[in-house]
Amino acid sequence: MQPSESAATISLARNRKEDAAPVPSSPSDHIAVTFFEVLTVAALGVYLTASGAAWWALRRPSPRPSDTRPFVSVVVAARNEAARIPGLLADLAAQTYPAFEALIVDDRSTDGTAQLVEEAAARHPGRFRLVHQPEVPSGISPKKLALQHGVEASHGEILLLTDADCRVPCTWVAGLVRSFQPDVAMVLGCSEYASGSTWFERFQAFEFLTLTATMLASARLGIPLGASGHNLAYRRAAFDRVGGYRSGLTRIAGDDMLMLYLVRSAPELGRIGWADGAETLVRTQAVATFRDFRNQRARWASSGMHHFRGDVRVLAYGAASLYANVFVLCGPLFVWTGYLAWAGWIAGVLAKLAADLLVYGTAARRFSRPELLRWLPLWFVTQPVYLTAMAVWGSRPRFHWKS
């Protein structure tokens, strides 16, 4: 072939290549991108809608208080709480509500817990009673069994529960009783962590505020998703009707979530109310170590996942929340792989941040803890990892109540 013929051939090939139509993207590529976009918009939409509903619910006024004054029983399970229970005993002795008894169930303590309760009973005749927890069979939840024994030994029409390491205001009993309108079977009380002296304890205080805000907002919306054993109350009739804790004795965790699930499953007993005023706010301490934090949160996560895994609303919100948080953390990867534009990721992050600030800012103001909002940025970026860890921890029952 002559040089001129070779050049002509090359030129002809170039022209054909330039004139060729562009190769269309494969249908699978188009479907993948479209599905991702739809999934992202749907998940963020659910999360933002739920946040808006929570914000609206947190701003609603509290219902009109009841004026009934039934006899009340306070039931507390205690195991090796000699260092912390004196504060609770003093708080209960100072209650303004006159018609109540306090039963402290000593769950095989090896310290001076039982003696402290007996001394309090001697100082305040008729107010305190000590109940001894016998040996606990293998595979049975010690705390649930202790609470069951305490309730069975009590005489109150209304049952109030808190933990031995908590502090309650002098108006706690009176405030919870006022929350029992005639159609209410159970009342969810709010609690908070003291700020503590370390950054880890202060961060936990904000994290616990987010849990309290979710619990309160969902209760106000009529679909309660959480309960706290720090601050809980129900009618004895409802407790007896659902069988108390006996149906869940083989699960170590979740005495609070068990009762919430049982009462929710029996709407004929009455609705689930709430108490969110300062007169009923219970305070407790954050845990000191990450190991204790992991154990505590694993117990909480396991109970919620076990009882509400069949609720479509819970699953939808949980999935949307997890996806929204993964979107924040992994957005740059989505952009790098071509599934998302920078503008889309930034818009989604700002929308979620605004929603979180709206809800948790409202909760911080409601509970007079605005200083906790400084921990929102750290919570915002660590929440994806935390939620994933919660799901893993809660699915593996490697936790305990007390050693």
Protein backbone atom coordinates (compact mmCIF):
# COMPACT_ATOMS: atom_id res chain seq x y z
CA MET A 1 0.00 0.00 0.00
CA GLN A 2 1.29 3.43 -0.98
CA PRO A 3 1.70 6.17 1.65
CA SER A 4 -1.05 8.22 0.06
CA GLU A 5 -3.46 5.29 0.17
CA SER A 6 -2.59 4.65 3.85
CA ALA A 7 -3.30 8.27 4.78
CA ALA A 8 -6.61 8.15 2.95
CA THR A 9 -7.61 5.01 4.78
CA ILE A 10 -6.78 6.52 8.18
CA SER A 11 -8.69 9.68 7.33
CA LEU A 12 -11.73 7.69 6.27
CA ALA A 13 -11.67 5.70 9.55
CA ARG A 14 -11.52 8.91 11.56
CA ASN A 15 -14.49 10.36 9.73
CA ARG A 16 -16.52 7.23 10.34
CA LYS A 17 -15.64 7.27 14.08
CA GLU A 18 -16.60 10.95 14.42
CA ASP A 19 -19.85 10.43 12.55
CA ALA A 20 -20.82 7.42 14.66
CA ALA A 21 -23.70 7.97 17.09
CA PRO A 22 -22.80 8.05 20.82
CA VAL A 23 -23.22 4.75 22.62
CA PRO A 24 -26.24 4.94 24.95
CA SER A 25 -25.89 3.98 28.61
CA SER A 26 -27.04 0.49 29.45
CA PRO A 27 -30.53 0.06 30.94
CA SER A 28 -29.03 -1.40 34.11
CA ASP A 29 -26.96 1.77 34.71
CA HIS A 30 -30.03 3.96 34.23
CA ILE A 31 -32.12 1.82 36.59
CA ALA A 32 -29.42 1.83 39.29
CA VAL A 33 -29.10 5.62 39.29
CA THR A 34 -32.87 6.15 39.22
CA PHE A 35 -33.45 3.68 42.05
CA PHE A 36 -30.79 5.36 44.19
CA GLU A 37 -32.28 8.78 43.61
CA VAL A 38 -35.80 7.59 44.45
CA LEU A 39 -34.56 5.78 47.56
CA THR A 40 -32.67 8.85 48.76
CA VAL A 41 -35.58 11.23 48.23
CA ALA A 42 -38.02 8.80 49.87
CA ALA A 43 -35.84 8.17 52.94
CA LEU A 44 -35.06 11.84 53.49
CA GLY A 45 -38.71 12.66 52.92
CA VAL A 46 -39.83 10.22 55.61
CA TYR A 47 -37.14 11.48 58.01
CA LEU A 48 -37.97 15.15 57.45
CA THR A 49 -41.71 14.50 57.72
CA ALA A 50 -41.24 12.61 60.98
CA SER A 51 -39.02 15.40 62.30
CA GLY A 52 -41.64 17.99 61.44
CA ALA A 53 -44.32 15.95 63.19
CA ALA A 54 -42.06 15.55 66.25
CA TRP A 55 -41.41 19.30 66.37
CA TRP A 56 -45.15 19.99 66.18
CA ALA A 57 -45.88 17.41 68.89
CA LEU A 58 -43.25 18.79 71.27
CA ARG A 59 -44.85 22.24 71.04
CA ARG A 60 -48.36 21.03 71.86
CA PRO A 61 -49.76 22.00 75.27
CA SER A 62 -50.05 19.33 77.92
CA PRO A 63 -53.51 17.86 78.60
CA ARG A 64 -55.65 19.07 81.46
CA PRO A 65 -54.55 17.36 84.70
CA SER A 66 -56.76 14.92 86.55
CA ASP A 67 -57.96 15.76 90.06
CA THR A 68 -58.28 12.17 91.36
CA ARG A 69 -56.20 11.12 94.38
CA PRO A 70 -55.93 7.31 94.45
CA PHE A 71 -53.61 5.32 96.68
CA VAL A 72 -50.24 4.86 94.94
CA SER A 73 -47.46 2.28 95.18
CA VAL A 74 -43.89 3.16 94.18
CA VAL A 75 -41.92 0.03 93.24
CA VAL A 76 -38.11 0.07 92.94
CA ALA A 77 -35.80 -2.85 92.19
CA ALA A 78 -32.38 -2.47 93.83
CA ARG A 79 -29.22 -4.54 93.69
CA ASN A 80 -26.07 -3.35 95.45
CA GLU A 81 -27.19 0.29 95.48
CA ALA A 82 -26.00 1.28 98.97
CA ALA A 83 -23.92 4.12 97.54
CA ARG A 84 -26.80 5.68 95.59
CA ILE A 85 -30.15 4.69 97.08
CA PRO A 86 -30.02 7.09 100.07
CA GLY A 87 -30.77 10.00 97.73
CA LEU A 88 -33.86 8.30 96.31
CA LEU A 89 -35.09 7.32 99.80
CA ALA A 90 -34.77 10.94 100.93
CA ASP A 91 -36.65 12.14 97.84
CA LEU A 92 -39.49 9.68 98.40
CA ALA A 93 -39.75 10.66 102.05
CA ALA A 94 -40.19 14.30 101.00
CA GLN A 95 -43.07 13.73 98.54
CA THR A 96 -45.99 16.14 98.75
CA TYR A 97 -48.54 13.46 97.81
CA PRO A 98 -49.77 11.85 101.05
CA ALA A 99 -51.42 8.60 99.96
CA PHE A 100 -48.60 6.36 98.79
CA GLU A 101 -46.26 3.58 99.84
CA ALA A 102 -42.76 2.81 98.56
CA LEU A 103 -41.66 -0.79 98.13
CA ILE A 104 -37.93 -1.40 97.62
CA VAL A 105 -37.20 -4.89 96.31
CA ASP A 106 -33.74 -6.01 97.39
CA ASP A 107 -32.45 -8.26 94.63
CA ARG A 108 -29.89 -10.34 96.59
CA SER A 109 -27.67 -7.36 97.43
CA THR A 110 -24.33 -8.09 99.08
CA ASP A 111 -23.82 -4.55 100.39
CA GLY A 112 -25.88 -2.48 102.82
CA THR A 113 -28.84 -1.78 100.54
CA ALA A 114 -31.37 -3.73 102.63
CA GLN A 115 -30.18 -2.15 105.88
CA LEU A 116 -30.57 1.37 104.47
CA VAL A 117 -34.15 0.62 103.43
CA GLU A 118 -34.96 -0.82 106.86
CA GLU A 119 -33.56 2.31 108.53
CA ALA A 120 -35.69 4.50 106.25
CA ALA A 121 -38.75 2.41 107.11
CA ALA A 122 -38.06 2.91 110.82
CA ARG A 123 -37.78 6.69 110.38
CA HIS A 124 -40.95 6.89 108.25
CA PRO A 125 -43.45 4.30 109.50
CA GLY A 126 -45.95 3.22 106.88
CA ARG A 127 -44.02 4.85 104.03
CA PHE A 128 -41.31 2.31 103.13
CA ARG A 129 -41.40 -1.46 102.87
CA LEU A 130 -38.55 -3.83 102.11
CA VAL A 131 -39.27 -6.82 99.86
CA HIS A 132 -36.65 -9.54 99.53
CA GLN A 133 -36.00 -11.10 96.14
CA PRO A 134 -35.42 -14.86 96.47
CA GLU A 135 -33.03 -16.80 94.30
CA VAL A 136 -33.60 -16.18 90.62
CA PRO A 137 -33.96 -19.25 88.39
CA SER A 138 -31.50 -19.58 85.52
CA GLY A 139 -32.59 -17.77 82.36
CA ILE A 140 -34.98 -15.41 84.20
CA SER A 141 -34.59 -11.62 84.22
CA PRO A 142 -33.68 -10.60 87.79
CA LYS A 143 -35.04 -7.07 87.47
CA LYS A 144 -38.36 -8.07 85.91
CA LEU A 145 -38.86 -10.74 88.55
CA ALA A 146 -38.01 -8.26 91.33
CA LEU A 147 -40.51 -5.74 89.97
CA GLN A 148 -43.13 -8.47 89.65
CA HIS A 149 -42.65 -9.40 93.31
CA GLY A 150 -42.83 -5.75 94.32
CA VAL A 151 -46.08 -5.13 92.44
CA GLU A 152 -47.64 -8.30 93.87
CA ALA A 153 -46.80 -7.11 97.40
CA SER A 154 -48.16 -3.59 96.83
CA HIS A 155 -51.64 -2.17 97.44
CA GLY A 156 -51.81 0.87 95.16
CA GLU A 157 -54.35 1.53 92.43
CA ILE A 158 -51.60 3.36 90.52
CA LEU A 159 -48.09 1.89 90.22
CA LEU A 160 -45.04 4.16 89.84
CA LEU A 161 -41.62 2.88 88.91
CA THR A 162 -38.15 4.37 88.99
CA ASP A 163 -34.59 3.10 89.51
CA ALA A 164 -32.60 3.04 92.73
CA ASP A 165 -29.92 5.37 91.34
CA CYS A 166 -32.39 8.09 90.29
CA ARG A 167 -33.41 11.34 91.97
CA VAL A 168 -37.04 12.48 91.87
CA PRO A 169 -38.53 15.88 92.74
CA CYS A 170 -40.81 16.18 95.76
CA THR A 171 -43.78 16.62 93.38
CA TRP A 172 -43.04 13.46 91.39
CA VAL A 173 -45.83 11.24 92.74
CA ALA A 174 -48.43 14.02 92.66
CA GLY A 175 -47.47 15.03 89.11
CA LEU A 176 -47.67 11.53 87.69
CA VAL A 177 -51.02 10.91 89.37
CA ARG A 178 -52.42 14.09 87.78
CA SER A 179 -51.50 12.66 84.37
CA PHE A 180 -53.96 9.79 84.77
CA GLN A 181 -57.06 11.05 83.04
CA PRO A 182 -59.96 8.54 83.18
CA ASP A 183 -59.05 7.02 79.80
CA VAL A 184 -55.30 6.65 80.51
CA ALA A 185 -53.86 3.22 81.34
CA MET A 186 -50.16 4.08 81.35
CA VAL A 187 -48.07 7.24 81.72
CA LEU A 188 -44.60 7.75 80.27
CA GLY A 189 -42.50 10.06 82.40
CA CYS A 190 -39.44 11.95 81.20
CA SER A 191 -35.94 11.77 82.62
CA GLU A 192 -32.59 13.36 82.03
CA TYR A 193 -28.89 12.81 82.63
CA ALA A 194 -26.93 15.15 84.82
CA SER A 195 -24.27 16.90 82.74
CA GLY A 196 -21.42 15.18 84.56
CA SER A 197 -17.77 16.20 84.80
CA THR A 198 -16.30 14.57 81.66
CA TRP A 199 -16.95 15.19 77.97
CA PHE A 200 -18.22 11.60 77.64
CA GLU A 201 -20.84 12.14 80.34
CA ARG A 202 -21.92 15.46 78.82
CA PHE A 203 -22.19 13.88 75.40
CA GLN A 204 -24.36 11.14 76.89
CA ALA A 205 -26.60 13.83 78.39
CA PHE A 206 -27.31 15.14 74.88
CA GLU A 207 -27.70 11.64 73.44
CA PHE A 208 -30.22 10.83 76.16
CA LEU A 209 -32.06 14.07 75.39
CA THR A 210 -32.56 12.82 71.82
CA LEU A 211 -34.05 9.57 73.15
CA THR A 212 -36.36 11.45 75.53
CA ALA A 213 -37.46 13.79 72.73
CA THR A 214 -38.31 10.82 70.50
CA MET A 215 -40.22 9.09 73.30
CA LEU A 216 -42.21 12.19 74.20
CA ALA A 217 -42.96 13.27 70.63
CA SER A 218 -44.13 9.80 69.57
CA ALA A 219 -46.36 9.54 72.66
CA ARG A 220 -47.91 12.92 71.90
CA LEU A 221 -48.56 11.72 68.34
CA GLY A 222 -50.39 8.67 69.64
CA ILE A 223 -47.77 6.12 68.52
CA PRO A 224 -45.43 5.76 71.53
CA LEU A 225 -42.12 4.23 70.49
CA GLY A 226 -40.23 4.21 73.78
CA ALA A 227 -40.44 4.16 77.55
CA SER A 228 -37.96 4.69 80.34
CA GLY A 229 -37.78 2.58 83.49
CA HIS A 230 -36.47 5.71 85.23
CA ASN A 231 -39.96 7.21 85.15
CA LEU A 232 -42.99 5.08 84.43
CA ALA A 233 -46.51 4.56 85.77
CA TYR A 234 -49.55 2.41 85.02
CA ARG A 235 -52.83 1.36 86.51
CA ARG A 236 -52.79 -1.86 88.49
CA ALA A 237 -55.85 -3.02 86.53
CA ALA A 238 -53.86 -2.70 83.28
CA PHE A 239 -50.84 -4.45 84.80
CA ASP A 240 -52.97 -7.38 85.96
CA ARG A 241 -54.87 -7.57 82.69
CA VAL A 242 -51.73 -8.02 80.56
CA GLY A 243 -50.13 -10.44 83.02
CA GLY A 244 -47.45 -8.10 84.31
CA TYR A 245 -43.89 -9.03 83.43
CA ARG A 246 -44.47 -12.77 83.33
CA SER A 247 -44.61 -13.02 79.55
CA GLY A 248 -41.14 -11.47 79.26
CA LEU A 249 -39.25 -12.97 82.19
CA THR A 250 -36.89 -14.90 79.92
CA ARG A 251 -35.56 -11.70 78.35
CA ILE A 252 -32.99 -9.92 80.51
CA ALA A 253 -33.79 -6.43 79.27
CA GLY A 254 -36.79 -4.23 78.71
CA ASP A 255 -39.22 -4.18 81.64
CA ASP A 256 -40.31 -0.71 80.46
CA MET A 257 -40.61 -1.61 76.77
CA LEU A 258 -42.42 -4.85 77.62
CA MET A 259 -45.19 -3.00 79.45
CA LEU A 260 -45.38 -0.37 76.71
CA TYR A 261 -45.79 -3.09 74.08
CA LEU A 262 -48.39 -5.00 76.11
CA VAL A 263 -50.52 -1.93 76.84
CA ARG A 264 -50.20 -0.73 73.23
CA SER A 265 -51.42 -4.14 72.09
CA ALA A 266 -54.55 -3.86 74.25
CA PRO A 267 -56.14 -0.49 73.38
CA GLU A 268 -59.31 -1.43 75.24
CA LEU A 269 -57.35 -0.85 78.48
CA GLY A 270 -56.98 2.84 77.70
CA ARG A 271 -54.52 5.12 75.99
CA ILE A 272 -50.89 5.81 76.85
CA GLY A 273 -50.33 9.28 78.26
CA TRP A 274 -47.25 11.24 79.22
CA ALA A 275 -45.86 13.57 81.87
CA ASP A 276 -43.31 16.14 80.73
CA GLY A 277 -43.34 18.91 83.31
CA ALA A 278 -40.52 19.85 85.65
CA GLU A 279 -42.55 18.51 88.60
CA THR A 280 -42.19 14.94 87.28
CA LEU A 281 -38.74 15.09 85.66
CA VAL A 282 -36.42 12.38 87.01
CA ARG A 283 -32.65 12.79 86.97
CA THR A 284 -30.00 10.09 86.83
CA GLN A 285 -26.28 9.81 86.14
CA ALA A 286 -24.55 8.90 82.90
CA VAL A 287 -22.34 5.81 82.95
CA ALA A 288 -18.62 6.40 83.40
CA THR A 289 -17.07 3.99 80.90
CA PHE A 290 -17.65 3.00 77.29
CA ARG A 291 -18.05 -0.63 78.34
CA ASP A 292 -20.94 0.27 80.65
CA PHE A 293 -22.40 2.49 77.93
CA ARG A 294 -22.30 -0.35 75.42
CA ASN A 295 -23.92 -2.76 77.88
CA GLN A 296 -26.68 -0.29 78.73
CA ARG A 297 -27.49 0.65 75.15
CA ALA A 298 -27.43 -3.00 74.05
CA ARG A 299 -30.11 -3.76 76.64
CA TRP A 300 -32.23 -0.85 75.49
CA ALA A 301 -31.85 -1.63 71.79
CA SER A 302 -32.64 -5.31 72.21
CA SER A 303 -35.93 -4.66 73.97
CA GLY A 304 -37.17 -2.14 71.43
CA MET A 305 -36.19 -4.28 68.44
CA HIS A 306 -37.81 -7.35 69.97
CA HIS A 307 -41.18 -5.80 70.77
CA PHE A 308 -41.71 -3.48 67.79
CA ARG A 309 -40.04 -5.32 64.91
CA GLY A 310 -43.46 -6.13 63.46
CA ASP A 311 -44.72 -2.52 63.49
CA VAL A 312 -44.52 -1.11 59.96
CA ARG A 313 -44.38 2.48 61.23
CA VAL A 314 -41.47 1.73 63.52
CA LEU A 315 -39.60 -0.14 60.80
CA ALA A 316 -40.21 2.63 58.27
CA TYR A 317 -38.97 5.35 60.59
CA GLY A 318 -35.99 3.26 61.72
CA ALA A 319 -34.97 2.48 58.15
CA ALA A 320 -35.40 6.09 57.03
CA SER A 321 -33.40 7.36 60.01
CA LEU A 322 -30.58 4.91 59.40
CA TYR A 323 -30.48 5.73 55.68
CA ALA A 324 -30.52 9.48 56.32
CA ASN A 325 -27.55 9.14 58.65
CA VAL A 326 -25.62 6.89 56.25
CA PHE A 327 -26.35 9.46 53.54
CA VAL A 328 -24.63 12.13 55.63
CA LEU A 329 -21.58 10.01 56.33
CA CYS A 330 -21.18 8.31 52.94
CA GLY A 331 -22.32 11.16 50.70
CA PRO A 332 -18.81 11.93 49.38
CA LEU A 333 -18.51 8.30 48.30
CA PHE A 334 -21.82 8.57 46.45
CA VAL A 335 -20.53 11.69 44.70
CA TRP A 336 -17.20 10.07 43.80
CA THR A 337 -18.95 7.04 42.26
CA GLY A 338 -21.22 9.27 40.20
CA TYR A 339 -24.50 8.45 41.90
CA LEU A 340 -24.93 11.91 43.39
CA ALA A 341 -23.92 15.51 42.73
CA TRP A 342 -22.19 17.60 45.36
CA ALA A 343 -25.13 20.00 45.38
CA GLY A 344 -27.53 17.14 46.15
CA TRP A 345 -25.44 15.84 49.03
CA ILE A 346 -24.95 19.28 50.58
CA ALA A 347 -28.67 20.03 50.29
CA GLY A 348 -29.55 16.73 51.97
CA VAL A 349 -27.04 17.28 54.79
CA LEU A 350 -28.30 20.80 55.47
CA ALA A 351 -31.92 19.62 55.43
CA LYS A 352 -31.22 16.87 57.96
CA LEU A 353 -29.16 19.21 60.15
CA ALA A 354 -31.98 21.75 60.14
CA ALA A 355 -34.51 19.03 61.08
CA ASP A 356 -32.34 17.77 63.95
CA LEU A 357 -31.71 21.27 65.24
CA LEU A 358 -35.43 22.03 65.10
CA VAL A 359 -36.46 18.94 67.08
CA TYR A 360 -33.62 18.73 69.59
CA GLY A 361 -33.48 22.49 70.03
CA THR A 362 -37.17 22.44 70.96
CA ALA A 363 -36.55 19.55 73.37
CA ALA A 364 -33.56 21.32 74.94
CA ARG A 365 -35.66 24.42 75.58
CA ARG A 366 -38.59 22.39 76.93
CA PHE A 367 -36.34 20.70 79.49
CA SER A 368 -34.27 23.84 80.17
CA ARG A 369 -31.04 22.28 78.88
CA PRO A 370 -29.94 24.61 76.04
CA GLU A 371 -26.27 24.04 76.92
CA LEU A 372 -26.55 20.49 75.57
CA LEU A 373 -26.98 21.72 71.99
CA ARG A 374 -23.23 22.30 71.73
CA TRP A 375 -22.90 18.52 71.37
CA LEU A 376 -25.19 18.38 68.32
CA PRO A 377 -22.35 18.60 65.75
CA LEU A 378 -20.50 15.64 67.30
CA TRP A 379 -23.75 13.69 67.56
CA PHE A 380 -24.61 14.56 63.94
CA VAL A 381 -21.43 13.04 62.49
CA THR A 382 -21.23 10.03 64.82
CA GLN A 383 -24.90 9.06 64.71
CA PRO A 384 -24.57 6.77 61.62
CA VAL A 385 -21.91 4.64 63.31
CA TYR A 386 -23.79 4.73 66.61
CA LEU A 387 -27.12 3.60 65.10
CA THR A 388 -25.43 0.77 63.23
CA ALA A 389 -23.67 -0.34 66.40
CA MET A 390 -26.96 -0.18 68.31
CA ALA A 391 -28.58 -2.52 65.78
CA VAL A 392 -25.68 -4.97 66.05
CA TRP A 393 -25.45 -4.80 69.84
CA GLY A 394 -29.18 -5.20 70.28
CA SER A 395 -29.32 -8.30 68.09
CA ARG A 396 -26.69 -10.10 70.17
CA PRO A 397 -27.78 -10.62 73.80
CA ARG A 398 -24.38 -10.13 75.40
CA PHE A 399 -25.39 -7.84 78.23
CA HIS A 400 -26.58 -7.98 81.82
CA TRP A 401 -28.56 -5.96 84.37
CA LYS A 402 -26.20 -6.09 87.34
CA SER A 403 -23.14 -8.22 87.99
